[in-house]
Amino acid sequence: MYHSSRFVGESFVIRLNHELSGEQIEQINQNFGDILVKGKIAPSQILERENRDSTHHLPRLVFYFNGKSYGRLYQLIDHINDLSPVVTLEEHPERK
């Protein structure tokens, strides 16, 4: 499920191999809201400030990470990997 992550400006972006349902995202916000500076963990497409690279098509979760709760961030990633995918992205033959 988890693909990669990075900071984009003040936002932390988690790239996913599969989309999550609204219910799954709501559960994530309830369980991991303590790692946020403000706002919520929200689904997103590629951000304007991101480079259009080989991950441009991947769904994302975007949030304002507090920059200190890395243990909890790893728990969030583990939790995401335990979730069942809702929508499987079409396989791209150019990816090997």
PDB file of N, CA and C in Angstrom:
ATOM      1  N   MET A   1       0.820  -1.183   0.000  1.00  0.00           N
ATOM      2  CA  MET A   1       0.000   0.000   0.000  1.00  0.00           C
ATOM      3  C   MET A   1       0.877   1.264   0.000  1.00  0.00           C
ATOM      4  N   TYR A   2       1.814   1.384   0.977  1.00  0.00           N
ATOM      5  CA  TYR A   2       2.721   2.531   1.059  1.00  0.00           C
ATOM      6  C   TYR A   2       3.717   2.464  -0.091  1.00  0.00           C
ATOM      7  N   HIS A   3       3.963   3.597  -0.725  1.00  0.00           N
ATOM      8  CA  HIS A   3       4.949   3.666  -1.795  1.00  0.00           C
ATOM      9  C   HIS A   3       6.175   4.456  -1.360  1.00  0.00           C
ATOM     10  N   SER A   4       5.970   5.703  -0.931  1.00  0.00           N
ATOM     11  CA  SER A   4       7.079   6.571  -0.556  1.00  0.00           C
ATOM     12  C   SER A   4       6.514   7.804   0.136  1.00  0.00           C
ATOM     13  N   SER A   5       7.413   8.630   0.660  1.00  0.00           N
ATOM     14  CA  SER A   5       6.969   9.858   1.319  1.00  0.00           C
ATOM     15  C   SER A   5       8.047  10.921   1.218  1.00  0.00           C
ATOM     16  N   ARG A   6       7.615  12.172   1.422  1.00  0.00           N
ATOM     17  CA  ARG A   6       8.554  13.288   1.389  1.00  0.00           C
ATOM     18  C   ARG A   6       7.849  14.545   1.879  1.00  0.00           C
ATOM     19  N   PHE A   7       8.656  15.528   2.243  1.00  0.00           N
ATOM     20  CA  PHE A   7       8.122  16.846   2.541  1.00  0.00           C
ATOM     21  C   PHE A   7       8.010  17.626   1.242  1.00  0.00           C
ATOM     22  N   VAL A   8       6.922  18.347   1.089  1.00  0.00           N
ATOM     23  CA  VAL A   8       6.730  19.283  -0.016  1.00  0.00           C
ATOM     24  C   VAL A   8       6.329  20.599   0.642  1.00  0.00           C
ATOM     25  N   GLY A   9       7.283  21.500   0.747  1.00  0.00           N
ATOM     26  CA  GLY A   9       7.040  22.718   1.509  1.00  0.00           C
ATOM     27  C   GLY A   9       6.795  22.351   2.961  1.00  0.00           C
ATOM     28  N   GLU A  10       5.693  22.826   3.530  1.00  0.00           N
ATOM     29  CA  GLU A  10       5.342  22.506   4.915  1.00  0.00           C
ATOM     30  C   GLU A  10       4.516  21.234   5.024  1.00  0.00           C
ATOM     31  N   SER A  11       4.116  20.671   3.913  1.00  0.00           N
ATOM     32  CA  SER A  11       3.261  19.484   3.912  1.00  0.00           C
ATOM     33  C   SER A  11       4.092  18.214   3.842  1.00  0.00           C
ATOM     34  N   PHE A  12       3.607  17.179   4.525  1.00  0.00           N
ATOM     35  CA  PHE A  12       4.204  15.855   4.415  1.00  0.00           C
ATOM     36  C   PHE A  12       3.302  15.047   3.495  1.00  0.00           C
ATOM     37  N   VAL A  13       3.887  14.411   2.503  1.00  0.00           N
ATOM     38  CA  VAL A  13       3.141  13.679   1.485  1.00  0.00           C
ATOM     39  C   VAL A  13       3.503  12.204   1.568  1.00  0.00           C
ATOM     40  N   ILE A  14       2.489  11.364   1.712  1.00  0.00           N
ATOM     41  CA  ILE A  14       2.667   9.912   1.639  1.00  0.00           C
ATOM     42  C   ILE A  14       2.055   9.458   0.321  1.00  0.00           C
ATOM     43  N   ARG A  15       2.867   8.843  -0.519  1.00  0.00           N
ATOM     44  CA  ARG A  15       2.383   8.302  -1.791  1.00  0.00           C
ATOM     45  C   ARG A  15       1.951   6.860  -1.559  1.00  0.00           C
ATOM     46  N   LEU A  16       0.836   6.507  -2.170  1.00  0.00           N
ATOM     47  CA  LEU A  16       0.247   5.181  -1.981  1.00  0.00           C
ATOM     48  C   LEU A  16       0.156   4.436  -3.307  1.00  0.00           C
ATOM     49  N   ASN A  17       0.203   3.121  -3.229  1.00  0.00           N
ATOM     50  CA  ASN A  17      -0.001   2.295  -4.419  1.00  0.00           C
ATOM     51  C   ASN A  17      -1.480   2.077  -4.710  1.00  0.00           C
ATOM     52  N   HIS A  18      -2.345   2.326  -3.712  1.00  0.00           N
ATOM     53  CA  HIS A  18      -3.789   2.138  -3.848  1.00  0.00           C
ATOM     54  C   HIS A  18      -4.506   3.266  -3.123  1.00  0.00           C
ATOM     55  N   GLU A  19      -5.681   3.615  -3.605  1.00  0.00           N
ATOM     56  CA  GLU A  19      -6.491   4.621  -2.930  1.00  0.00           C
ATOM     57  C   GLU A  19      -7.081   4.043  -1.653  1.00  0.00           C
ATOM     58  N   LEU A  20      -7.355   4.922  -0.697  1.00  0.00           N
ATOM     59  CA  LEU A  20      -8.024   4.542   0.539  1.00  0.00           C
ATOM     60  C   LEU A  20      -9.458   5.052   0.503  1.00  0.00           C
ATOM     61  N   SER A  21     -10.340   4.379   1.228  1.00  0.00           N
ATOM     62  CA  SER A  21     -11.728   4.832   1.307  1.00  0.00           C
ATOM     63  C   SER A  21     -11.833   6.006   2.274  1.00  0.00           C
ATOM     64  N   GLY A  22     -12.926   6.728   2.192  1.00  0.00           N
ATOM     65  CA  GLY A  22     -13.178   7.817   3.128  1.00  0.00           C
ATOM     66  C   GLY A  22     -13.219   7.321   4.559  1.00  0.00           C
ATOM     67  N   GLU A  23     -13.790   6.143   4.758  1.00  0.00           N
ATOM     68  CA  GLU A  23     -13.862   5.542   6.096  1.00  0.00           C
ATOM     69  C   GLU A  23     -12.459   5.232   6.628  1.00  0.00           C
ATOM     70  N   GLN A  24     -11.590   4.703   5.784  1.00  0.00           N
ATOM     71  CA  GLN A  24     -10.221   4.406   6.207  1.00  0.00           C
ATOM     72  C   GLN A  24      -9.473   5.690   6.572  1.00  0.00           C
ATOM     73  N   ILE A  25      -9.666   6.751   5.794  1.00  0.00           N
ATOM     74  CA  ILE A  25      -8.994   8.021   6.076  1.00  0.00           C
ATOM     75  C   ILE A  25      -9.526   8.626   7.366  1.00  0.00           C
ATOM     76  N   GLU A  26     -10.825   8.504   7.600  1.00  0.00           N
ATOM     77  CA  GLU A  26     -11.419   8.989   8.850  1.00  0.00           C
ATOM     78  C   GLU A  26     -10.814   8.252  10.043  1.00  0.00           C
ATOM     79  N   GLN A  27     -10.664   6.930   9.919  1.00  0.00           N
ATOM     80  CA  GLN A  27     -10.059   6.126  10.984  1.00  0.00           C
ATOM     81  C   GLN A  27      -8.612   6.555  11.225  1.00  0.00           C
ATOM     82  N   ILE A  28      -7.873   6.812  10.167  1.00  0.00           N
ATOM     83  CA  ILE A  28      -6.486   7.272  10.292  1.00  0.00           C
ATOM     84  C   ILE A  28      -6.441   8.592  11.051  1.00  0.00           C
ATOM     85  N   ASN A  29      -7.342   9.517  10.725  1.00  0.00           N
ATOM     86  CA  ASN A  29      -7.371  10.799  11.424  1.00  0.00           C
ATOM     87  C   ASN A  29      -7.684  10.631  12.905  1.00  0.00           C
ATOM     88  N   GLN A  30      -8.587   9.724  13.234  1.00  0.00           N
ATOM     89  CA  GLN A  30      -8.923   9.479  14.640  1.00  0.00           C
ATOM     90  C   GLN A  30      -7.742   8.886  15.396  1.00  0.00           C
ATOM     91  N   ASN A  31      -7.011   7.994  14.747  1.00  0.00           N
ATOM     92  CA  ASN A  31      -5.924   7.284  15.428  1.00  0.00           C
ATOM     93  C   ASN A  31      -4.581   8.006  15.401  1.00  0.00           C
ATOM     94  N   PHE A  32      -4.373   8.907  14.438  1.00  0.00           N
ATOM     95  CA  PHE A  32      -3.050   9.513  14.275  1.00  0.00           C
ATOM     96  C   PHE A  32      -3.082  11.044  14.244  1.00  0.00           C
ATOM     97  N   GLY A  33      -4.149  11.634  14.721  1.00  0.00           N
ATOM     98  CA  GLY A  33      -4.246  13.088  14.767  1.00  0.00           C
ATOM     99  C   GLY A  33      -3.189  13.737  15.644  1.00  0.00           C
ATOM    100  N   ASP A  34      -2.592  12.962  16.546  1.00  0.00           N
ATOM    101  CA  ASP A  34      -1.580  13.502  17.467  1.00  0.00           C
ATOM    102  C   ASP A  34      -0.271  13.867  16.769  1.00  0.00           C
ATOM    103  N   ILE A  35      -0.071  13.445  15.527  1.00  0.00           N
ATOM    104  CA  ILE A  35       1.177  13.784  14.825  1.00  0.00           C
ATOM    105  C   ILE A  35       1.032  15.043  13.967  1.00  0.00           C
ATOM    106  N   LEU A  36      -0.134  15.670  14.011  1.00  0.00           N
ATOM    107  CA  LEU A  36      -0.409  16.836  13.176  1.00  0.00           C
ATOM    108  C   LEU A  36      -0.143  18.137  13.915  1.00  0.00           C
ATOM    109  N   VAL A  37       0.325  19.124  13.180  1.00  0.00           N
ATOM    110  CA  VAL A  37       0.448  20.482  13.701  1.00  0.00           C
ATOM    111  C   VAL A  37      -0.905  21.174  13.596  1.00  0.00           C
ATOM    112  N   LYS A  38      -1.601  20.927  12.479  1.00  0.00           N
ATOM    113  CA  LYS A  38      -2.917  21.517  12.243  1.00  0.00           C
ATOM    114  C   LYS A  38      -3.623  20.707  11.175  1.00  0.00           C
ATOM    115  N   GLY A  39      -4.913  20.920  11.056  1.00  0.00           N
ATOM    116  CA  GLY A  39      -5.684  20.295   9.997  1.00  0.00           C
ATOM    117  C   GLY A  39      -5.871  18.801  10.175  1.00  0.00           C
ATOM    118  N   LYS A  40      -6.091  18.136   9.059  1.00  0.00           N
ATOM    119  CA  LYS A  40      -6.342  16.698   9.028  1.00  0.00           C
ATOM    120  C   LYS A  40      -5.466  16.036   7.975  1.00  0.00           C
ATOM    121  N   ILE A  41      -5.402  14.725   8.041  1.00  0.00           N
ATOM    122  CA  ILE A  41      -4.772  13.916   7.000  1.00  0.00           C
ATOM    123  C   ILE A  41      -5.808  13.799   5.885  1.00  0.00           C
ATOM    124  N   ALA A  42      -5.441  14.227   4.681  1.00  0.00           N
ATOM    125  CA  ALA A  42      -6.413  14.304   3.595  1.00  0.00           C
ATOM    126  C   ALA A  42      -5.878  13.644   2.326  1.00  0.00           C
ATOM    127  N   PRO A  43      -6.779  13.044   1.546  1.00  0.00           N
ATOM    128  CA  PRO A  43      -6.360  12.486   0.258  1.00  0.00           C
ATOM    129  C   PRO A  43      -6.035  13.607  -0.715  1.00  0.00           C
ATOM    130  N   SER A  44      -5.150  13.322  -1.656  1.00  0.00           N
ATOM    131  CA  SER A  44      -4.735  14.337  -2.619  1.00  0.00           C
ATOM    132  C   SER A  44      -4.175  13.668  -3.865  1.00  0.00           C
ATOM    133  N   GLN A  45      -4.148  14.429  -4.929  1.00  0.00           N
ATOM    134  CA  GLN A  45      -3.405  14.051  -6.122  1.00  0.00           C
ATOM    135  C   GLN A  45      -2.051  14.747  -6.029  1.00  0.00           C
ATOM    136  N   ILE A  46      -1.269  14.717  -7.074  1.00  0.00           N
ATOM    137  CA  ILE A  46       0.047  15.345  -7.055  1.00  0.00           C
ATOM    138  C   ILE A  46      -0.095  16.832  -6.714  1.00  0.00           C
ATOM    139  N   LEU A  47       0.788  17.325  -5.859  1.00  0.00           N
ATOM    140  CA  LEU A  47       0.771  18.731  -5.480  1.00  0.00           C
ATOM    141  C   LEU A  47       1.481  19.562  -6.539  1.00  0.00           C
ATOM    142  N   GLU A  48       1.069  20.804  -6.650  1.00  0.00           N
ATOM    143  CA  GLU A  48       1.649  21.694  -7.652  1.00  0.00           C
ATOM    144  C   GLU A  48       3.160  21.825  -7.493  1.00  0.00           C
ATOM    145  N   ARG A  49       3.641  21.804  -6.244  1.00  0.00           N
ATOM    146  CA  ARG A  49       5.070  21.995  -5.986  1.00  0.00           C
ATOM    147  C   ARG A  49       5.895  20.722  -6.185  1.00  0.00           C
ATOM    148  N   GLU A  50       5.237  19.583  -6.404  1.00  0.00           N
ATOM    149  CA  GLU A  50       5.973  18.341  -6.637  1.00  0.00           C
ATOM    150  C   GLU A  50       6.444  18.279  -8.088  1.00  0.00           C
ATOM    151  N   ASN A  51       7.570  17.642  -8.280  1.00  0.00           N
ATOM    152  CA  ASN A  51       8.050  17.395  -9.638  1.00  0.00           C
ATOM    153  C   ASN A  51       7.218  16.293 -10.264  1.00  0.00           C
ATOM    154  N   ARG A  52       6.942  16.416 -11.541  1.00  0.00           N
ATOM    155  CA  ARG A  52       6.210  15.351 -12.236  1.00  0.00           C
ATOM    156  C   ARG A  52       7.207  14.248 -12.583  1.00  0.00           C
ATOM    157  N   ASP A  53       7.254  13.264 -11.721  1.00  0.00           N
ATOM    158  CA  ASP A  53       8.167  12.148 -11.934  1.00  0.00           C
ATOM    159  C   ASP A  53       7.353  10.875 -12.124  1.00  0.00           C
ATOM    160  N   SER A  54       7.963   9.747 -11.920  1.00  0.00           N
ATOM    161  CA  SER A  54       7.278   8.471 -12.141  1.00  0.00           C
ATOM    162  C   SER A  54       6.177   8.198 -11.123  1.00  0.00           C
ATOM    163  N   THR A  55       6.039   9.045 -10.106  1.00  0.00           N
ATOM    164  CA  THR A  55       4.992   8.842  -9.096  1.00  0.00           C
ATOM    165  C   THR A  55       3.808   9.780  -9.283  1.00  0.00           C
ATOM    166  N   HIS A  56       3.776  10.538 -10.360  1.00  0.00           N
ATOM    167  CA  HIS A  56       2.732  11.560 -10.519  1.00  0.00           C
ATOM    168  C   HIS A  56       1.317  10.987 -10.492  1.00  0.00           C
ATOM    169  N   HIS A  57       1.129   9.749 -10.875  1.00  0.00           N
ATOM    170  CA  HIS A  57      -0.195   9.131 -10.950  1.00  0.00           C
ATOM    171  C   HIS A  57      -0.663   8.525  -9.623  1.00  0.00           C
ATOM    172  N   LEU A  58       0.206   8.455  -8.635  1.00  0.00           N
ATOM    173  CA  LEU A  58      -0.139   7.784  -7.383  1.00  0.00           C
ATOM    174  C   LEU A  58      -1.039   8.645  -6.497  1.00  0.00           C
ATOM    175  N   PRO A  59      -2.012   8.011  -5.828  1.00  0.00           N
ATOM    176  CA  PRO A  59      -2.800   8.751  -4.840  1.00  0.00           C
ATOM    177  C   PRO A  59      -1.923   9.099  -3.642  1.00  0.00           C
ATOM    178  N   ARG A  60      -2.313  10.132  -2.919  1.00  0.00           N
ATOM    179  CA  ARG A  60      -1.494  10.629  -1.819  1.00  0.00           C
ATOM    180  C   ARG A  60      -2.343  10.927  -0.596  1.00  0.00           C
ATOM    181  N   LEU A  61      -1.674  10.918   0.549  1.00  0.00           N
ATOM    182  CA  LEU A  61      -2.203  11.500   1.774  1.00  0.00           C
ATOM    183  C   LEU A  61      -1.302  12.679   2.095  1.00  0.00           C
ATOM    184  N   VAL A  62      -1.903  13.809   2.427  1.00  0.00           N
ATOM    185  CA  VAL A  62      -1.143  15.026   2.691  1.00  0.00           C
ATOM    186  C   VAL A  62      -1.561  15.573   4.047  1.00  0.00           C
ATOM    187  N   PHE A  63      -0.563  16.013   4.833  1.00  0.00           N
ATOM    188  CA  PHE A  63      -0.864  16.573   6.154  1.00  0.00           C
ATOM    189  C   PHE A  63       0.310  17.391   6.656  1.00  0.00           C
ATOM    190  N   TYR A  64       0.059  18.136   7.727  1.00  0.00           N
ATOM    191  CA  TYR A  64       1.089  18.954   8.365  1.00  0.00           C
ATOM    192  C   TYR A  64       1.668  18.165   9.536  1.00  0.00           C
ATOM    193  N   PHE A  65       2.753  17.459   9.283  1.00  0.00           N
ATOM    194  CA  PHE A  65       3.428  16.624  10.281  1.00  0.00           C
ATOM    195  C   PHE A  65       4.149  17.514  11.284  1.00  0.00           C
ATOM    196  N   ASN A  66       4.113  17.114  12.564  1.00  0.00           N
ATOM    197  CA  ASN A  66       4.737  17.940  13.604  1.00  0.00           C
ATOM    198  C   ASN A  66       6.264  17.870  13.607  1.00  0.00           C
ATOM    199  N   GLY A  67       6.854  16.988  12.830  1.00  0.00           N
ATOM    200  CA  GLY A  67       8.307  16.943  12.701  1.00  0.00           C
ATOM    201  C   GLY A  67       9.046  16.324  13.865  1.00  0.00           C
ATOM    202  N   LYS A  68       8.325  15.765  14.833  1.00  0.00           N
ATOM    203  CA  LYS A  68       9.011  15.152  15.969  1.00  0.00           C
ATOM    204  C   LYS A  68       8.511  13.751  16.312  1.00  0.00           C
ATOM    205  N   SER A  69       7.344  13.387  15.837  1.00  0.00           N
ATOM    206  CA  SER A  69       6.746  12.096  16.196  1.00  0.00           C
ATOM    207  C   SER A  69       7.029  11.038  15.135  1.00  0.00           C
ATOM    208  N   TYR A  70       8.322  10.794  14.893  1.00  0.00           N
ATOM    209  CA  TYR A  70       8.684   9.849  13.831  1.00  0.00           C
ATOM    210  C   TYR A  70       8.302   8.412  14.171  1.00  0.00           C
ATOM    211  N   GLY A  71       8.309   8.059  15.431  1.00  0.00           N
ATOM    212  CA  GLY A  71       7.853   6.725  15.820  1.00  0.00           C
ATOM    213  C   GLY A  71       6.394   6.520  15.448  1.00  0.00           C
ATOM    214  N   ARG A  72       5.575   7.526  15.735  1.00  0.00           N
ATOM    215  CA  ARG A  72       4.157   7.466  15.383  1.00  0.00           C
ATOM    216  C   ARG A  72       3.968   7.500  13.860  1.00  0.00           C
ATOM    217  N   LEU A  73       4.830   8.225  13.166  1.00  0.00           N
ATOM    218  CA  LEU A  73       4.750   8.256  11.707  1.00  0.00           C
ATOM    219  C   LEU A  73       4.996   6.856  11.145  1.00  0.00           C
ATOM    220  N   TYR A  74       5.973   6.151  11.687  1.00  0.00           N
ATOM    221  CA  TYR A  74       6.221   4.772  11.251  1.00  0.00           C
ATOM    222  C   TYR A  74       5.038   3.873  11.589  1.00  0.00           C
ATOM    223  N   GLN A  75       4.387   4.115  12.725  1.00  0.00           N
ATOM    224  CA  GLN A  75       3.181   3.355  13.066  1.00  0.00           C
ATOM    225  C   GLN A  75       2.066   3.635  12.063  1.00  0.00           C
ATOM    226  N   LEU A  76       1.948   4.891  11.633  1.00  0.00           N
ATOM    227  CA  LEU A  76       0.958   5.243  10.613  1.00  0.00           C
ATOM    228  C   LEU A  76       1.240   4.482   9.321  1.00  0.00           C
ATOM    229  N   ILE A  77       2.483   4.436   8.902  1.00  0.00           N
ATOM    230  CA  ILE A  77       2.842   3.715   7.677  1.00  0.00           C
ATOM    231  C   ILE A  77       2.530   2.227   7.825  1.00  0.00           C
ATOM    232  N   ASP A  78       2.855   1.640   8.970  1.00  0.00           N
ATOM    233  CA  ASP A  78       2.514   0.229   9.212  1.00  0.00           C
ATOM    234  C   ASP A  78       1.006   0.021   9.141  1.00  0.00           C
ATOM    235  N   HIS A  79       0.260   0.946   9.735  1.00  0.00           N
ATOM    236  CA  HIS A  79      -1.202   0.858   9.718  1.00  0.00           C
ATOM    237  C   HIS A  79      -1.720   0.919   8.278  1.00  0.00           C
ATOM    238  N   ILE A  80      -1.197   1.838   7.495  1.00  0.00           N
ATOM    239  CA  ILE A  80      -1.602   1.960   6.090  1.00  0.00           C
ATOM    240  C   ILE A  80      -1.323   0.658   5.344  1.00  0.00           C
ATOM    241  N   ASN A  81      -0.176   0.054   5.602  1.00  0.00           N
ATOM    242  CA  ASN A  81       0.169  -1.202   4.927  1.00  0.00           C
ATOM    243  C   ASN A  81      -0.738  -2.354   5.327  1.00  0.00           C
ATOM    244  N   ASP A  82      -1.359  -2.266   6.498  1.00  0.00           N
ATOM    245  CA  ASP A  82      -2.278  -3.310   6.954  1.00  0.00           C
ATOM    246  C   ASP A  82      -3.684  -3.156   6.381  1.00  0.00           C
ATOM    247  N   LEU A  83      -3.993  -2.002   5.792  1.00  0.00           N
ATOM    248  CA  LEU A  83      -5.332  -1.761   5.260  1.00  0.00           C
ATOM    249  C   LEU A  83      -5.532  -2.490   3.938  1.00  0.00           C
ATOM    250  N   SER A  84      -6.786  -2.835   3.670  1.00  0.00           N
ATOM    251  CA  SER A  84      -7.132  -3.459   2.391  1.00  0.00           C
ATOM    252  C   SER A  84      -7.336  -2.371   1.350  1.00  0.00           C
ATOM    253  N   PRO A  85      -6.776  -2.544   0.164  1.00  0.00           N
ATOM    254  CA  PRO A  85      -6.978  -1.530  -0.878  1.00  0.00           C
ATOM    255  C   PRO A  85      -8.431  -1.487  -1.324  1.00  0.00           C
ATOM    256  N   VAL A  86      -8.907  -0.290  -1.628  1.00  0.00           N
ATOM    257  CA  VAL A  86     -10.267  -0.111  -2.123  1.00  0.00           C
ATOM    258  C   VAL A  86     -10.273  -0.157  -3.638  1.00  0.00           C
ATOM    259  N   VAL A  87      -9.350   0.573  -4.247  1.00  0.00           N
ATOM    260  CA  VAL A  87      -9.252   0.648  -5.704  1.00  0.00           C
ATOM    261  C   VAL A  87      -7.830   0.294  -6.090  1.00  0.00           C
ATOM    262  N   THR A  88      -7.688  -0.648  -6.986  1.00  0.00           N
ATOM    263  CA  THR A  88      -6.369  -1.018  -7.478  1.00  0.00           C
ATOM    264  C   THR A  88      -6.056  -0.173  -8.700  1.00  0.00           C
ATOM    265  N   LEU A  89      -4.898   0.455  -8.685  1.00  0.00           N
ATOM    266  CA  LEU A  89      -4.491   1.246  -9.839  1.00  0.00           C
ATOM    267  C   LEU A  89      -4.173   0.326 -11.005  1.00  0.00           C
ATOM    268  N   GLU A  90      -4.473   0.798 -12.188  1.00  0.00           N
ATOM    269  CA  GLU A  90      -4.182   0.032 -13.394  1.00  0.00           C
ATOM    270  C   GLU A  90      -2.683  -0.204 -13.491  1.00  0.00           C
ATOM    271  N   GLU A  91      -2.310  -1.416 -13.809  1.00  0.00           N
ATOM    272  CA  GLU A  91      -0.897  -1.723 -13.983  1.00  0.00           C
ATOM    273  C   GLU A  91      -0.373  -0.996 -15.212  1.00  0.00           C
ATOM    274  N   HIS A  92       0.799  -0.465 -15.086  1.00  0.00           N
ATOM    275  CA  HIS A  92       1.425   0.240 -16.196  1.00  0.00           C
ATOM    276  C   HIS A  92       2.522  -0.640 -16.785  1.00  0.00           C
ATOM    277  N   PRO A  93       2.399  -1.018 -18.058  1.00  0.00           N
ATOM    278  CA  PRO A  93       3.398  -1.907 -18.662  1.00  0.00           C
ATOM    279  C   PRO A  93       4.786  -1.289 -18.721  1.00  0.00           C
ATOM    280  N   GLU A  94       4.864   0.051 -18.679  1.00  0.00           N
ATOM    281  CA  GLU A  94       6.182   0.680 -18.748  1.00  0.00           C
ATOM    282  C   GLU A  94       6.944   0.549 -17.435  1.00  0.00           C
ATOM    283  N   ARG A  95       6.247   0.209 -16.344  1.00  0.00           N
ATOM    284  CA  ARG A  95       6.917   0.019 -15.061  1.00  0.00           C
ATOM    285  C   ARG A  95       7.382  -1.419 -14.954  1.00  0.00           C
ATOM    286  N   LYS A  96       8.608  -1.608 -14.538  1.00  0.00           N
ATOM    287  CA  LYS A  96       9.164  -2.960 -14.445  1.00  0.00           C
ATOM    288  C   LYS A  96       9.573  -3.257 -13.044  1.00  0.00           C
TER     289      LYS A  96
END
